[in-house]
């Protein structure tokens, strides 16, 4: 069932923390839903989808009726990882924060959430940035609060006391209670910003974590269905390999685990597309090797390590298979061609 009048939607499970927040302020949930042309029966329809604009309207109405300018943050604080369904499992199955971004980018596009999550890194600061594709259609101050609060809480659940953000920025939200938000986030909060973001230490991207969720076969089945019909599977796998090459966690089994599927299922999905995991891995290594040889002075030994090879001899053998030249000879040839093109 799809309770949807717009291109973007969210699971109806996203209403559960709204219900909890309303109970705190003695707001009649049925009345709140009716105001947005919904009945309370929607709360029991686990497989249903809800128009994202209707969801934003519900949050806005809740803020108005409770007279709470931080109502979105209140709802976000009541979210659990589990309520995000497919996203929950893909986040929990990773072993470090940097690995959640391929899933966030591709899965949320496939699910038509209208919510773009991206990572930016500048120096020692990493930024989790959230963009809404529909914020020109409805007031999104409360939804901005909710989403940023959700990711803060999620990262705190994953990293525990290691999670210490530097700063939170929110688009608009001129009426927000900043002091209350700063107490919750444990850092400075800036409203009226050009972006919704959490800034945190870059080192946390590679901090390992372990988070277990109870297995729900319907959710795992939904993930498998998304991947089966996805036209982005090869790019998604490449992103995972790129993020894990140097650490050595890029086997087919490891990537399959991060995708919440069995290695045999991954193999079948690739075979159906005329692809092999080995071929994708070699393509990533080849492109990365050429980029490093062209744009850095790194030694062959260091490049071998970056590409996840056990030793430079194995890398040199692979590179010769790709180009018919050893890496150093290829680098010299490229530099000579570059000099000739400049003269």
C-alpha atoms as a PDB file:
ATOM      1  CA  UNK A   1       0.000   0.000   0.000  1.00  0.00           C
ATOM      2  CA  UNK A   2       1.271   3.474  -0.851  1.00  0.00           C
ATOM      3  CA  UNK A   3      -0.348   6.402   0.976  1.00  0.00           C
ATOM      4  CA  UNK A   4       1.338   8.825  -1.368  1.00  0.00           C
ATOM      5  CA  UNK A   5       0.424  11.810  -3.508  1.00  0.00           C
ATOM      6  CA  UNK A   6       3.998  12.865  -4.238  1.00  0.00           C
ATOM      7  CA  UNK A   7       7.184  11.428  -5.664  1.00  0.00           C
ATOM      8  CA  UNK A   8       8.958  11.250  -2.265  1.00  0.00           C
ATOM      9  CA  UNK A   9       7.869   9.050   0.627  1.00  0.00           C
ATOM     10  CA  UNK A  10       8.889   7.545   3.981  1.00  0.00           C
ATOM     11  CA  UNK A  11       7.781   4.404   5.859  1.00  0.00           C
ATOM     12  CA  UNK A  12       4.772   4.863   8.122  1.00  0.00           C
ATOM     13  CA  UNK A  13       7.015   3.615  10.971  1.00  0.00           C
ATOM     14  CA  UNK A  14       8.403   7.171  10.975  1.00  0.00           C
ATOM     15  CA  UNK A  15       5.129   8.196  12.644  1.00  0.00           C
ATOM     16  CA  UNK A  16       5.862   6.192  15.808  1.00  0.00           C
ATOM     17  CA  UNK A  17       8.273   8.731  17.356  1.00  0.00           C
ATOM     18  CA  UNK A  18       5.771  11.475  16.458  1.00  0.00           C
ATOM     19  CA  UNK A  19       3.172   9.634  18.534  1.00  0.00           C
ATOM     20  CA  UNK A  20       5.575   9.463  21.488  1.00  0.00           C
ATOM     21  CA  UNK A  21       6.377  13.168  21.267  1.00  0.00           C
ATOM     22  CA  UNK A  22       2.664  14.019  21.115  1.00  0.00           C
ATOM     23  CA  UNK A  23       1.980  11.943  24.224  1.00  0.00           C
ATOM     24  CA  UNK A  24       4.514  14.019  26.165  1.00  0.00           C
ATOM     25  CA  UNK A  25       2.505  17.156  25.423  1.00  0.00           C
ATOM     26  CA  UNK A  26      -0.946  15.517  25.686  1.00  0.00           C
ATOM     27  CA  UNK A  27      -1.672  16.035  21.999  1.00  0.00           C
ATOM     28  CA  UNK A  28      -4.343  13.757  20.506  1.00  0.00           C
ATOM     29  CA  UNK A  29      -2.522  11.767  17.836  1.00  0.00           C
ATOM     30  CA  UNK A  30      -5.762  10.867  16.056  1.00  0.00           C
ATOM     31  CA  UNK A  31      -6.664  14.531  15.781  1.00  0.00           C
ATOM     32  CA  UNK A  32      -3.168  15.371  14.520  1.00  0.00           C
ATOM     33  CA  UNK A  33      -3.377  12.694  11.834  1.00  0.00           C
ATOM     34  CA  UNK A  34      -6.934  13.698  10.870  1.00  0.00           C
ATOM     35  CA  UNK A  35      -5.723  17.263  10.387  1.00  0.00           C
ATOM     36  CA  UNK A  36      -3.485  15.808   7.658  1.00  0.00           C
ATOM     37  CA  UNK A  37      -6.198  13.555   6.161  1.00  0.00           C
ATOM     38  CA  UNK A  38      -4.987  10.334   7.782  1.00  0.00           C
ATOM     39  CA  UNK A  39      -6.572   7.911  10.243  1.00  0.00           C
ATOM     40  CA  UNK A  40      -4.885   6.111  13.126  1.00  0.00           C
ATOM     41  CA  UNK A  41      -5.062   2.868  11.118  1.00  0.00           C
ATOM     42  CA  UNK A  42      -1.970   4.070   9.257  1.00  0.00           C
ATOM     43  CA  UNK A  43       0.053   3.394  12.413  1.00  0.00           C
ATOM     44  CA  UNK A  44      -0.468  -0.366  12.032  1.00  0.00           C
ATOM     45  CA  UNK A  45       0.298  -0.564   8.311  1.00  0.00           C
ATOM     46  CA  UNK A  46       3.953  -1.565   8.485  1.00  0.00           C
ATOM     47  CA  UNK A  47       4.486  -1.913   4.742  1.00  0.00           C
ATOM     48  CA  UNK A  48       2.771   1.366   3.834  1.00  0.00           C
ATOM     49  CA  UNK A  49       4.506   4.484   2.595  1.00  0.00           C
ATOM     50  CA  UNK A  50       3.668   8.060   3.527  1.00  0.00           C
ATOM     51  CA  UNK A  51       4.084  11.125   1.330  1.00  0.00           C
ATOM     52  CA  UNK A  52       7.080  13.085   2.669  1.00  0.00           C
ATOM     53  CA  UNK A  53       5.175  16.374   2.352  1.00  0.00           C
ATOM     54  CA  UNK A  54       2.368  14.974   4.501  1.00  0.00           C
ATOM     55  CA  UNK A  55       4.970  13.813   7.017  1.00  0.00           C
ATOM     56  CA  UNK A  56       6.559  17.277   7.118  1.00  0.00           C
ATOM     57  CA  UNK A  57       3.103  18.808   7.570  1.00  0.00           C
ATOM     58  CA  UNK A  58       2.417  16.491  10.534  1.00  0.00           C
ATOM     59  CA  UNK A  59       5.674  17.578  12.195  1.00  0.00           C
ATOM     60  CA  UNK A  60       4.866  21.238  11.537  1.00  0.00           C
ATOM     61  CA  UNK A  61       1.363  20.826  12.990  1.00  0.00           C
ATOM     62  CA  UNK A  62       2.827  19.114  16.040  1.00  0.00           C
ATOM     63  CA  UNK A  63       5.185  22.046  16.594  1.00  0.00           C
ATOM     64  CA  UNK A  64       2.289  24.491  16.285  1.00  0.00           C
ATOM     65  CA  UNK A  65      -0.047  22.641  18.635  1.00  0.00           C
ATOM     66  CA  UNK A  66       2.598  21.966  21.287  1.00  0.00           C
ATOM     67  CA  UNK A  67       4.065  25.494  21.040  1.00  0.00           C
ATOM     68  CA  UNK A  68       7.501  23.819  20.851  1.00  0.00           C
ATOM     69  CA  UNK A  69       9.955  25.385  18.404  1.00  0.00           C
ATOM     70  CA  UNK A  70      12.185  22.302  18.864  1.00  0.00           C
ATOM     71  CA  UNK A  71       9.427  19.758  18.198  1.00  0.00           C
ATOM     72  CA  UNK A  72      11.329  18.252  15.264  1.00  0.00           C
ATOM     73  CA  UNK A  73      14.315  17.606  17.523  1.00  0.00           C
ATOM     74  CA  UNK A  74      11.978  16.074  20.130  1.00  0.00           C
ATOM     75  CA  UNK A  75      10.718  13.623  17.508  1.00  0.00           C
ATOM     76  CA  UNK A  76      14.256  12.883  16.338  1.00  0.00           C
ATOM     77  CA  UNK A  77      15.343  12.058  19.889  1.00  0.00           C
ATOM     78  CA  UNK A  78      12.631   9.388  20.039  1.00  0.00           C
ATOM     79  CA  UNK A  79      13.697   7.654  16.837  1.00  0.00           C
ATOM     80  CA  UNK A  80      15.459   4.330  17.145  1.00  0.00           C
ATOM     81  CA  UNK A  81      17.738   2.894  14.477  1.00  0.00           C
ATOM     82  CA  UNK A  82      15.236   0.068  13.979  1.00  0.00           C
ATOM     83  CA  UNK A  83      12.432   2.368  12.848  1.00  0.00           C
ATOM     84  CA  UNK A  84      14.431   3.370   9.754  1.00  0.00           C
ATOM     85  CA  UNK A  85      13.908  -0.176   8.405  1.00  0.00           C
ATOM     86  CA  UNK A  86      16.217  -0.931   5.420  1.00  0.00           C
ATOM     87  CA  UNK A  87      18.464   1.975   6.290  1.00  0.00           C
ATOM     88  CA  UNK A  88      18.753   0.597   9.829  1.00  0.00           C
ATOM     89  CA  UNK A  89      20.238  -2.665   8.660  1.00  0.00           C
ATOM     90  CA  UNK A  90      22.631  -1.113   6.190  1.00  0.00           C
ATOM     91  CA  UNK A  91      23.967   1.243   8.879  1.00  0.00           C
ATOM     92  CA  UNK A  92      24.206  -1.491  11.516  1.00  0.00           C
ATOM     93  CA  UNK A  93      25.986  -3.924   9.172  1.00  0.00           C
ATOM     94  CA  UNK A  94      28.883  -1.560   8.522  1.00  0.00           C
ATOM     95  CA  UNK A  95      31.945  -1.564  10.767  1.00  0.00           C
ATOM     96  CA  UNK A  96      32.894   2.120  10.525  1.00  0.00           C
ATOM     97  CA  UNK A  97      31.145   5.377   9.719  1.00  0.00           C
ATOM     98  CA  UNK A  98      32.794   5.969   6.355  1.00  0.00           C
ATOM     99  CA  UNK A  99      31.096   2.832   5.040  1.00  0.00           C
ATOM    100  CA  UNK A 100      27.551   4.103   5.640  1.00  0.00           C
ATOM    101  CA  UNK A 101      27.781   6.754   2.916  1.00  0.00           C
ATOM    102  CA  UNK A 102      27.541   4.511  -0.168  1.00  0.00           C
ATOM    103  CA  UNK A 103      24.395   2.972   1.342  1.00  0.00           C
ATOM    104  CA  UNK A 104      22.941   6.372   2.240  1.00  0.00           C
ATOM    105  CA  UNK A 105      23.600   7.753  -1.220  1.00  0.00           C
ATOM    106  CA  UNK A 106      22.264   4.896  -3.305  1.00  0.00           C
ATOM    107  CA  UNK A 107      19.583   3.366  -1.078  1.00  0.00           C
ATOM    108  CA  UNK A 108      17.774   6.607  -0.320  1.00  0.00           C
ATOM    109  CA  UNK A 109      17.780   7.524  -4.002  1.00  0.00           C
ATOM    110  CA  UNK A 110      16.297   4.123  -4.828  1.00  0.00           C
ATOM    111  CA  UNK A 111      13.634   4.529  -2.144  1.00  0.00           C
ATOM    112  CA  UNK A 112      12.691   8.026  -3.343  1.00  0.00           C
ATOM    113  CA  UNK A 113      13.058   9.638   0.082  1.00  0.00           C
ATOM    114  CA  UNK A 114      13.924  13.057  -1.329  1.00  0.00           C
ATOM    115  CA  UNK A 115      16.625  13.271   1.348  1.00  0.00           C
ATOM    116  CA  UNK A 116      20.248  13.484   0.214  1.00  0.00           C
ATOM    117  CA  UNK A 117      22.987  12.546   2.694  1.00  0.00           C
ATOM    118  CA  UNK A 118      26.586  13.243   1.788  1.00  0.00           C
ATOM    119  CA  UNK A 119      30.008  13.400   3.384  1.00  0.00           C
ATOM    120  CA  UNK A 120      32.444  16.292   3.028  1.00  0.00           C
ATOM    121  CA  UNK A 121      35.949  16.247   4.480  1.00  0.00           C
ATOM    122  CA  UNK A 122      38.110  19.333   4.926  1.00  0.00           C
ATOM    123  CA  UNK A 123      41.353  18.971   6.849  1.00  0.00           C
ATOM    124  CA  UNK A 124      40.581  17.260  10.134  1.00  0.00           C
ATOM    125  CA  UNK A 125      36.845  18.005   9.995  1.00  0.00           C
ATOM    126  CA  UNK A 126      34.245  15.655   8.495  1.00  0.00           C
ATOM    127  CA  UNK A 127      30.725  16.919   7.799  1.00  0.00           C
ATOM    128  CA  UNK A 128      27.558  14.865   7.496  1.00  0.00           C
ATOM    129  CA  UNK A 129      25.349  17.044   5.288  1.00  0.00           C
ATOM    130  CA  UNK A 130      21.639  16.638   4.624  1.00  0.00           C
ATOM    131  CA  UNK A 131      19.853  18.236   1.664  1.00  0.00           C
ATOM    132  CA  UNK A 132      16.101  18.092   1.097  1.00  0.00           C
ATOM    133  CA  UNK A 133      14.900  17.996  -2.504  1.00  0.00           C
ATOM    134  CA  UNK A 134      11.442  19.288  -1.599  1.00  0.00           C
ATOM    135  CA  UNK A 135      12.171  22.174   0.798  1.00  0.00           C
ATOM    136  CA  UNK A 136      10.853  24.632  -1.801  1.00  0.00           C
ATOM    137  CA  UNK A 137       7.425  22.991  -1.483  1.00  0.00           C
ATOM    138  CA  UNK A 138       6.872  23.130   2.288  1.00  0.00           C
ATOM    139  CA  UNK A 139       8.337  24.654   5.460  1.00  0.00           C
ATOM    140  CA  UNK A 140      11.066  22.234   6.582  1.00  0.00           C
ATOM    141  CA  UNK A 141      12.522  23.810   9.738  1.00  0.00           C
ATOM    142  CA  UNK A 142      11.135  21.042  11.965  1.00  0.00           C
ATOM    143  CA  UNK A 143      12.075  18.280   9.543  1.00  0.00           C
ATOM    144  CA  UNK A 144      15.633  19.644   9.347  1.00  0.00           C
ATOM    145  CA  UNK A 145      15.837  19.396  13.144  1.00  0.00           C
ATOM    146  CA  UNK A 146      14.420  15.871  13.116  1.00  0.00           C
ATOM    147  CA  UNK A 147      16.833  14.472  10.521  1.00  0.00           C
ATOM    148  CA  UNK A 148      19.968  16.016  12.008  1.00  0.00           C
ATOM    149  CA  UNK A 149      18.896  14.846  15.477  1.00  0.00           C
ATOM    150  CA  UNK A 150      18.295  11.328  14.131  1.00  0.00           C
ATOM    151  CA  UNK A 151      21.797  11.070  12.689  1.00  0.00           C
ATOM    152  CA  UNK A 152      23.370  12.500  15.834  1.00  0.00           C
ATOM    153  CA  UNK A 153      21.532   9.923  17.937  1.00  0.00           C
ATOM    154  CA  UNK A 154      22.394   7.128  15.502  1.00  0.00           C
ATOM    155  CA  UNK A 155      26.100   7.988  15.446  1.00  0.00           C
ATOM    156  CA  UNK A 156      26.047   8.218  19.240  1.00  0.00           C
ATOM    157  CA  UNK A 157      24.479   4.731  19.400  1.00  0.00           C
ATOM    158  CA  UNK A 158      27.174   3.347  17.105  1.00  0.00           C
ATOM    159  CA  UNK A 159      30.249   5.045  18.569  1.00  0.00           C
ATOM    160  CA  UNK A 160      29.069   5.584  22.161  1.00  0.00           C
ATOM    161  CA  UNK A 161      31.362   7.972  24.069  1.00  0.00           C
ATOM    162  CA  UNK A 162      33.675   8.323  21.069  1.00  0.00           C
ATOM    163  CA  UNK A 163      31.017  10.394  19.293  1.00  0.00           C
ATOM    164  CA  UNK A 164      31.776  14.054  19.979  1.00  0.00           C
ATOM    165  CA  UNK A 165      30.589  16.486  17.275  1.00  0.00           C
ATOM    166  CA  UNK A 166      32.207  19.899  16.874  1.00  0.00           C
ATOM    167  CA  UNK A 167      29.164  21.779  15.630  1.00  0.00           C
ATOM    168  CA  UNK A 168      25.613  21.442  14.298  1.00  0.00           C
ATOM    169  CA  UNK A 169      24.239  23.824  11.659  1.00  0.00           C
ATOM    170  CA  UNK A 170      20.590  24.124  10.609  1.00  0.00           C
ATOM    171  CA  UNK A 171      18.986  25.835   7.655  1.00  0.00           C
ATOM    172  CA  UNK A 172      16.564  28.589   8.764  1.00  0.00           C
ATOM    173  CA  UNK A 173      15.171  27.606  12.216  1.00  0.00           C
ATOM    174  CA  UNK A 174      15.389  31.208  13.408  1.00  0.00           C
ATOM    175  CA  UNK A 175      12.919  30.500  16.240  1.00  0.00           C
ATOM    176  CA  UNK A 176      14.643  27.384  17.566  1.00  0.00           C
ATOM    177  CA  UNK A 177      15.665  27.200  21.216  1.00  0.00           C
ATOM    178  CA  UNK A 178      19.414  27.116  20.601  1.00  0.00           C
ATOM    179  CA  UNK A 179      20.442  26.571  24.219  1.00  0.00           C
ATOM    180  CA  UNK A 180      18.213  23.499  24.491  1.00  0.00           C
ATOM    181  CA  UNK A 181      19.636  22.108  21.247  1.00  0.00           C
ATOM    182  CA  UNK A 182      23.200  22.733  22.395  1.00  0.00           C
ATOM    183  CA  UNK A 183      22.545  20.843  25.627  1.00  0.00           C
ATOM    184  CA  UNK A 184      21.303  17.867  23.624  1.00  0.00           C
ATOM    185  CA  UNK A 185      24.014  17.836  20.956  1.00  0.00           C
ATOM    186  CA  UNK A 186      26.817  18.742  23.372  1.00  0.00           C
ATOM    187  CA  UNK A 187      28.281  21.285  20.949  1.00  0.00           C
ATOM    188  CA  UNK A 188      27.563  24.671  19.413  1.00  0.00           C
ATOM    189  CA  UNK A 189      24.455  24.993  17.239  1.00  0.00           C
ATOM    190  CA  UNK A 190      24.153  27.579  14.477  1.00  0.00           C
ATOM    191  CA  UNK A 191      20.768  28.370  12.906  1.00  0.00           C
ATOM    192  CA  UNK A 192      20.114  30.312   9.724  1.00  0.00           C
ATOM    193  CA  UNK A 193      22.925  28.400   8.044  1.00  0.00           C
ATOM    194  CA  UNK A 194      23.139  27.525   4.363  1.00  0.00           C
ATOM    195  CA  UNK A 195      23.228  23.814   5.191  1.00  0.00           C
ATOM    196  CA  UNK A 196      22.007  21.140   7.577  1.00  0.00           C
ATOM    197  CA  UNK A 197      25.139  19.471   8.898  1.00  0.00           C
ATOM    198  CA  UNK A 198      26.968  17.822  11.756  1.00  0.00           C
ATOM    199  CA  UNK A 199      30.695  18.582  11.871  1.00  0.00           C
ATOM    200  CA  UNK A 200      32.836  16.030  13.697  1.00  0.00           C
ATOM    201  CA  UNK A 201      36.462  14.831  13.912  1.00  0.00           C
ATOM    202  CA  UNK A 202      37.637  13.166  10.714  1.00  0.00           C
ATOM    203  CA  UNK A 203      39.244  10.372  12.728  1.00  0.00           C
ATOM    204  CA  UNK A 204      35.778   9.110  13.714  1.00  0.00           C
ATOM    205  CA  UNK A 205      35.118   8.040  10.117  1.00  0.00           C
ATOM    206  CA  UNK A 206      37.435   5.074  10.593  1.00  0.00           C
ATOM    207  CA  UNK A 207      36.558   4.257  14.186  1.00  0.00           C
ATOM    208  CA  UNK A 208      35.272   0.691  14.288  1.00  0.00           C
ATOM    209  CA  UNK A 209      31.899  -0.122  15.775  1.00  0.00           C
ATOM    210  CA  UNK A 210      29.659  -3.136  16.221  1.00  0.00           C
ATOM    211  CA  UNK A 211      25.880  -2.903  16.405  1.00  0.00           C
ATOM    212  CA  UNK A 212      23.505  -5.849  16.339  1.00  0.00           C
ATOM    213  CA  UNK A 213      19.886  -5.751  15.194  1.00  0.00           C
ATOM    214  CA  UNK A 214      17.336  -8.540  15.501  1.00  0.00           C
ATOM    215  CA  UNK A 215      16.873 -10.202  12.133  1.00  0.00           C
ATOM    216  CA  UNK A 216      13.665  -9.207  10.346  1.00  0.00           C
ATOM    217  CA  UNK A 217      13.323 -11.279   7.194  1.00  0.00           C
ATOM    218  CA  UNK A 218      10.866  -8.893   5.531  1.00  0.00           C
ATOM    219  CA  UNK A 219      13.353  -6.021   5.737  1.00  0.00           C
ATOM    220  CA  UNK A 220      16.249  -8.127   4.474  1.00  0.00           C
ATOM    221  CA  UNK A 221      14.009  -9.304   1.636  1.00  0.00           C
ATOM    222  CA  UNK A 222      13.190  -5.683   0.759  1.00  0.00           C
ATOM    223  CA  UNK A 223      16.907  -4.832   0.620  1.00  0.00           C
ATOM    224  CA  UNK A 224      17.527  -7.775  -1.698  1.00  0.00           C
ATOM    225  CA  UNK A 225      14.668  -6.634  -3.956  1.00  0.00           C
ATOM    226  CA  UNK A 226      16.084  -3.093  -4.126  1.00  0.00           C
ATOM    227  CA  UNK A 227      19.516  -4.403  -5.093  1.00  0.00           C
ATOM    228  CA  UNK A 228      18.044  -6.849  -7.613  1.00  0.00           C
ATOM    229  CA  UNK A 229      16.314  -4.077  -9.550  1.00  0.00           C
ATOM    230  CA  UNK A 230      18.995  -1.436  -9.006  1.00  0.00           C
ATOM    231  CA  UNK A 231      20.987  -0.013 -11.890  1.00  0.00           C
ATOM    232  CA  UNK A 232      23.609   1.297  -9.455  1.00  0.00           C
ATOM    233  CA  UNK A 233      24.861  -2.005  -7.993  1.00  0.00           C
ATOM    234  CA  UNK A 234      28.259  -1.891  -9.725  1.00  0.00           C
ATOM    235  CA  UNK A 235      28.887   1.714  -8.628  1.00  0.00           C
ATOM    236  CA  UNK A 236      27.786   0.910  -5.077  1.00  0.00           C
ATOM    237  CA  UNK A 237      30.201  -2.022  -4.841  1.00  0.00           C
ATOM    238  CA  UNK A 238      33.006   0.132  -6.236  1.00  0.00           C
ATOM    239  CA  UNK A 239      32.375   2.740  -3.528  1.00  0.00           C
ATOM    240  CA  UNK A 240      32.614   0.066  -0.830  1.00  0.00           C
ATOM    241  CA  UNK A 241      35.810  -1.359  -2.296  1.00  0.00           C
ATOM    242  CA  UNK A 242      37.402   2.084  -2.576  1.00  0.00           C
ATOM    243  CA  UNK A 243      36.633   2.828   1.071  1.00  0.00           C
ATOM    244  CA  UNK A 244      38.121  -0.453   2.314  1.00  0.00           C
ATOM    245  CA  UNK A 245      41.051  -1.258   0.018  1.00  0.00           C
ATOM    246  CA  UNK A 246      43.818  -0.048   2.285  1.00  0.00           C
ATOM    247  CA  UNK A 247      42.372  -1.774   5.359  1.00  0.00           C
ATOM    248  CA  UNK A 248      42.089  -5.073   3.508  1.00  0.00           C
ATOM    249  CA  UNK A 249      38.344  -5.547   4.093  1.00  0.00           C
ATOM    250  CA  UNK A 250      37.208  -5.820   0.506  1.00  0.00           C
ATOM    251  CA  UNK A 251      36.499  -9.495  -0.069  1.00  0.00           C
ATOM    252  CA  UNK A 252      33.233 -10.486  -1.738  1.00  0.00           C
ATOM    253  CA  UNK A 253      32.084 -11.882   1.605  1.00  0.00           C
ATOM    254  CA  UNK A 254      32.820  -8.626   3.420  1.00  0.00           C
ATOM    255  CA  UNK A 255      31.038  -6.492   0.820  1.00  0.00           C
ATOM    256  CA  UNK A 256      28.044  -8.839   0.824  1.00  0.00           C
ATOM    257  CA  UNK A 257      27.769  -8.496   4.593  1.00  0.00           C
ATOM    258  CA  UNK A 258      27.734  -4.694   4.315  1.00  0.00           C
ATOM    259  CA  UNK A 259      24.939  -5.013   1.741  1.00  0.00           C
ATOM    260  CA  UNK A 260      22.961  -7.303   4.093  1.00  0.00           C
ATOM    261  CA  UNK A 261      22.898 -10.166   1.585  1.00  0.00           C
ATOM    262  CA  UNK A 262      24.548 -13.584   1.296  1.00  0.00           C
ATOM    263  CA  UNK A 263      27.702 -13.775  -0.882  1.00  0.00           C
ATOM    264  CA  UNK A 264      25.891 -16.212  -3.189  1.00  0.00           C
ATOM    265  CA  UNK A 265      23.104 -13.664  -3.667  1.00  0.00           C
ATOM    266  CA  UNK A 266      25.684 -11.004  -4.513  1.00  0.00           C
ATOM    267  CA  UNK A 267      27.296 -13.351  -7.022  1.00  0.00           C
ATOM    268  CA  UNK A 268      23.917 -14.018  -8.639  1.00  0.00           C
ATOM    269  CA  UNK A 269      23.095 -10.302  -8.840  1.00  0.00           C
ATOM    270  CA  UNK A 270      26.411  -9.658 -10.566  1.00  0.00           C
ATOM    271  CA  UNK A 271      26.114 -12.642 -12.901  1.00  0.00           C
ATOM    272  CA  UNK A 272      22.668 -11.456 -13.998  1.00  0.00           C
ATOM    273  CA  UNK A 273      24.363  -8.211 -15.091  1.00  0.00           C
ATOM    274  CA  UNK A 274      27.241  -9.958 -16.847  1.00  0.00           C
ATOM    275  CA  UNK A 275      29.656  -8.850 -14.122  1.00  0.00           C
ATOM    276  CA  UNK A 276      32.089 -10.566 -11.752  1.00  0.00           C
ATOM    277  CA  UNK A 277      33.284  -9.375  -8.386  1.00  0.00           C
ATOM    278  CA  UNK A 278      36.896  -9.940  -9.411  1.00  0.00           C
ATOM    279  CA  UNK A 279      36.391  -7.804 -12.511  1.00  0.00           C
ATOM    280  CA  UNK A 280      34.951  -4.925 -10.460  1.00  0.00           C
ATOM    281  CA  UNK A 281      37.790  -5.170  -7.936  1.00  0.00           C
ATOM    282  CA  UNK A 282      40.415  -5.130 -10.696  1.00  0.00           C
ATOM    283  CA  UNK A 283      38.760  -2.098 -12.298  1.00  0.00           C
ATOM    284  CA  UNK A 284      38.842  -0.169  -9.009  1.00  0.00           C
ATOM    285  CA  UNK A 285      42.479  -1.094  -8.388  1.00  0.00           C
ATOM    286  CA  UNK A 286      43.538  -0.232 -11.927  1.00  0.00           C
ATOM    287  CA  UNK A 287      41.906   3.213 -11.895  1.00  0.00           C
ATOM    288  CA  UNK A 288      43.224   4.000  -8.416  1.00  0.00           C
ATOM    289  CA  UNK A 289      46.733   2.842  -9.338  1.00  0.00           C
ATOM    290  CA  UNK A 290      46.851   5.012 -12.455  1.00  0.00           C
ATOM    291  CA  UNK A 291      45.560   8.004 -10.515  1.00  0.00           C
ATOM    292  CA  UNK A 292      48.239   7.594  -7.831  1.00  0.00           C
ATOM    293  CA  UNK A 293      51.007   7.081 -10.389  1.00  0.00           C
ATOM    294  CA  UNK A 294      49.938  10.164 -12.349  1.00  0.00           C
ATOM    295  CA  UNK A 295      49.261  12.537  -9.457  1.00  0.00           C
ATOM    296  CA  UNK A 296      51.644  11.541  -6.642  1.00  0.00           C
ATOM    297  CA  UNK A 297      55.290  10.670  -6.100  1.00  0.00           C
ATOM    298  CA  UNK A 298      54.412   7.724  -3.869  1.00  0.00           C
ATOM    299  CA  UNK A 299      56.636   4.688  -4.159  1.00  0.00           C
ATOM    300  CA  UNK A 300      55.432   1.454  -5.720  1.00  0.00           C
ATOM    301  CA  UNK A 301      55.592  -0.198  -2.292  1.00  0.00           C
ATOM    302  CA  UNK A 302      53.275   2.411  -0.735  1.00  0.00           C
ATOM    303  CA  UNK A 303      50.864   2.298  -3.673  1.00  0.00           C
ATOM    304  CA  UNK A 304      50.755  -1.480  -3.370  1.00  0.00           C
ATOM    305  CA  UNK A 305      49.619  -1.124   0.241  1.00  0.00           C
ATOM    306  CA  UNK A 306      46.992   1.488  -0.612  1.00  0.00           C
ATOM    307  CA  UNK A 307      45.549  -0.886  -3.198  1.00  0.00           C
ATOM    308  CA  UNK A 308      45.369  -3.748  -0.722  1.00  0.00           C
ATOM    309  CA  UNK A 309      48.093  -5.937  -2.226  1.00  0.00           C
ATOM    310  CA  UNK A 310      50.162  -8.102   0.084  1.00  0.00           C
ATOM    311  CA  UNK A 311      53.389  -6.992  -1.598  1.00  0.00           C
ATOM    312  CA  UNK A 312      54.657  -4.856  -4.463  1.00  0.00           C
ATOM    313  CA  UNK A 313      55.512  -7.909  -6.591  1.00  0.00           C
ATOM    314  CA  UNK A 314      51.832  -8.883  -6.797  1.00  0.00           C
ATOM    315  CA  UNK A 315      50.874  -5.306  -7.701  1.00  0.00           C
ATOM    316  CA  UNK A 316      53.536  -5.076 -10.425  1.00  0.00           C
ATOM    317  CA  UNK A 317      52.343  -8.352 -11.928  1.00  0.00           C
ATOM    318  CA  UNK A 318      48.729  -7.117 -11.969  1.00  0.00           C
ATOM    319  CA  UNK A 319      49.691  -3.744 -13.448  1.00  0.00           C
ATOM    320  CA  UNK A 320      51.617  -5.410 -16.277  1.00  0.00           C
ATOM    321  CA  UNK A 321      48.529  -7.446 -17.072  1.00  0.00           C
ATOM    322  CA  UNK A 322      46.543  -4.206 -17.360  1.00  0.00           C
ATOM    323  CA  UNK A 323      48.964  -2.081 -19.351  1.00  0.00           C
ATOM    324  CA  UNK A 324      51.782  -4.368 -20.608  1.00  0.00           C
ATOM    325  CA  UNK A 325      54.173  -2.125 -18.617  1.00  0.00           C
ATOM    326  CA  UNK A 326      55.448  -2.208 -15.013  1.00  0.00           C
ATOM    327  CA  UNK A 327      54.180   0.734 -12.873  1.00  0.00           C
ATOM    328  CA  UNK A 328      57.412   2.802 -12.905  1.00  0.00           C
ATOM    329  CA  UNK A 329      57.769   2.497 -16.685  1.00  0.00           C
ATOM    330  CA  UNK A 330      54.100   3.481 -17.134  1.00  0.00           C
ATOM    331  CA  UNK A 331      54.618   6.513 -14.873  1.00  0.00           C
ATOM    332  CA  UNK A 332      57.664   7.650 -16.884  1.00  0.00           C
ATOM    333  CA  UNK A 333      55.777   7.176 -20.155  1.00  0.00           C
ATOM    334  CA  UNK A 334      52.863   9.249 -18.851  1.00  0.00           C
ATOM    335  CA  UNK A 335      55.179  12.032 -17.635  1.00  0.00           C
ATOM    336  CA  UNK A 336      56.977  12.126 -21.011  1.00  0.00           C
ATOM    337  CA  UNK A 337      53.685  12.350 -22.881  1.00  0.00           C
ATOM    338  CA  UNK A 338      52.541  15.113 -20.538  1.00  0.00           C
ATOM    339  CA  UNK A 339      55.740  17.107 -21.162  1.00  0.00           C
ATOM    340  CA  UNK A 340      55.354  16.727 -24.937  1.00  0.00           C
ATOM    341  CA  UNK A 341      51.770  17.966 -24.816  1.00  0.00           C
ATOM    342  CA  UNK A 342      52.883  21.071 -22.894  1.00  0.00           C
ATOM    343  CA  UNK A 343      55.548  22.046 -25.449  1.00  0.00           C
END
